[in-house]
Protein backbone atom coordinates (compact mmCIF):
# COMPACT_ATOMS: atom_id res chain seq x y z
CA UNK A 1 3.65 -0.42 20.36
CA UNK A 2 5.29 1.16 17.29
CA UNK A 3 5.51 -2.00 15.18
CA UNK A 4 1.92 -1.91 13.85
CA UNK A 5 2.37 1.72 12.83
CA UNK A 6 5.60 0.98 11.01
CA UNK A 7 4.13 -2.01 9.17
CA UNK A 8 1.07 0.03 8.19
CA UNK A 9 3.29 2.86 6.94
CA UNK A 10 5.38 0.46 4.85
CA UNK A 11 2.32 -1.12 3.27
CA UNK A 12 0.74 2.28 2.63
CA UNK A 13 3.95 3.54 1.00
CA UNK A 14 4.03 0.56 -1.32
CA UNK A 15 0.38 0.98 -2.29
CA UNK A 16 0.72 4.72 -2.88
CA UNK A 17 3.81 4.23 -4.98
CA UNK A 18 2.25 1.47 -7.04
CA UNK A 19 -0.98 3.38 -7.59
CA UNK A 20 1.04 6.17 -9.22
CA UNK A 21 2.13 3.86 -12.05
CA UNK A 22 0.05 3.83 -15.18
CA UNK A 23 -1.76 0.63 -16.03
CA UNK A 24 0.11 -1.35 -18.65
CA UNK A 25 3.36 0.47 -17.97
CA UNK A 26 6.39 -1.62 -18.91
CA UNK A 27 8.85 0.64 -17.09
CA UNK A 28 10.25 -1.06 -14.01
CA UNK A 29 9.95 1.01 -10.84
CA UNK A 30 13.03 1.34 -8.67
CA UNK A 31 13.32 3.00 -5.30
CA UNK A 32 15.32 6.23 -5.13
CA UNK A 33 18.95 5.46 -4.26
CA UNK A 34 18.78 7.13 -0.83
CA UNK A 35 15.69 5.09 0.07
CA UNK A 36 17.05 1.85 -1.35
CA UNK A 37 20.04 2.09 1.00
CA UNK A 38 17.83 2.28 4.09
CA UNK A 39 17.49 -0.83 6.20
CA UNK A 40 14.02 -2.01 7.17
CA UNK A 41 13.62 -0.98 10.83
CA UNK A 42 11.44 -4.03 11.52
CA UNK A 43 13.33 -7.31 11.69
CA UNK A 44 11.53 -10.31 10.26
CA UNK A 45 10.51 -12.56 13.11
CA UNK A 46 7.52 -14.62 14.14
CA UNK A 47 6.28 -11.75 16.30
CA UNK A 48 6.66 -9.09 13.57
CA UNK A 49 4.92 -11.31 11.04
CA UNK A 50 2.11 -12.01 13.52
CA UNK A 51 1.77 -8.27 14.20
CA UNK A 52 1.62 -7.57 10.46
CA UNK A 53 -0.99 -10.26 9.97
CA UNK A 54 -3.10 -8.78 12.76
CA UNK A 55 -2.95 -5.35 11.10
CA UNK A 56 -3.82 -6.84 7.71
CA UNK A 57 -6.86 -8.64 9.11
CA UNK A 58 -8.05 -5.49 10.87
CA UNK A 59 -7.38 -2.90 8.16
CA UNK A 60 -6.88 -4.59 4.80
CA UNK A 61 -8.70 -7.92 4.53
CA UNK A 62 -12.15 -6.39 4.00
CA UNK A 63 -11.10 -4.99 0.62
CA UNK A 64 -8.01 -6.97 -0.41
CA UNK A 65 -9.31 -10.38 0.72
CA UNK A 66 -7.69 -13.27 2.58
CA UNK A 67 -5.08 -13.90 -0.12
CA UNK A 68 -4.59 -10.31 -1.31
CA UNK A 69 -6.44 -10.77 -4.60
CA UNK A 70 -8.62 -7.68 -4.15
CA UNK A 71 -11.69 -9.82 -3.59
CA UNK A 72 -12.58 -8.99 0.00
CA UNK A 73 -16.22 -8.76 1.10
CA UNK A 74 -16.21 -4.93 0.95
CA UNK A 75 -14.39 -4.65 -2.40
CA UNK A 76 -17.57 -4.34 -4.46
CA UNK A 77 -18.70 -1.30 -2.44
CA UNK A 78 -15.55 0.73 -3.17
CA UNK A 79 -16.34 1.82 -6.71
CA UNK A 80 -12.75 0.92 -7.69
CA UNK A 81 -10.86 -2.34 -7.77
CA UNK A 82 -8.57 -2.77 -4.75
CA UNK A 83 -4.93 -3.44 -5.56
CA UNK A 84 -4.08 -7.11 -5.96
CA UNK A 85 -1.43 -7.40 -3.28
CA UNK A 86 -0.72 -10.91 -4.57
CA UNK A 87 0.36 -9.45 -7.94
CA UNK A 88 4.05 -9.89 -8.78
CA UNK A 89 4.39 -6.14 -9.48
CA UNK A 90 3.30 -5.33 -5.92
CA UNK A 91 5.63 -7.99 -4.54
CA UNK A 92 8.56 -6.38 -6.40
CA UNK A 93 7.68 -3.04 -4.79
CA UNK A 94 7.53 -4.69 -1.38
CA UNK A 95 11.01 -6.17 -1.81
CA UNK A 96 12.37 -2.78 -2.90
CA UNK A 97 11.24 -1.11 0.33
């Protein structure tokens, strides 16, 4: 099934993009025009959300935690703070993808 791979790629793209911003930056990030015009290939549905949740539980929850606050059980072992996916800045990136 290609859906889990697509959802993982979208999440990874958002995290990579966000991690490139400097802490405390006030400049708002915007997607490049060519990318902003692209339509999300995964339609929002109960099944796509369930598939995304399954991927999150398997690959993300350990570090990012149940609510995306970066407080998962493995977060302390990373040596860095995991991104707070619940942060409004991350949510803005997600909506721009």
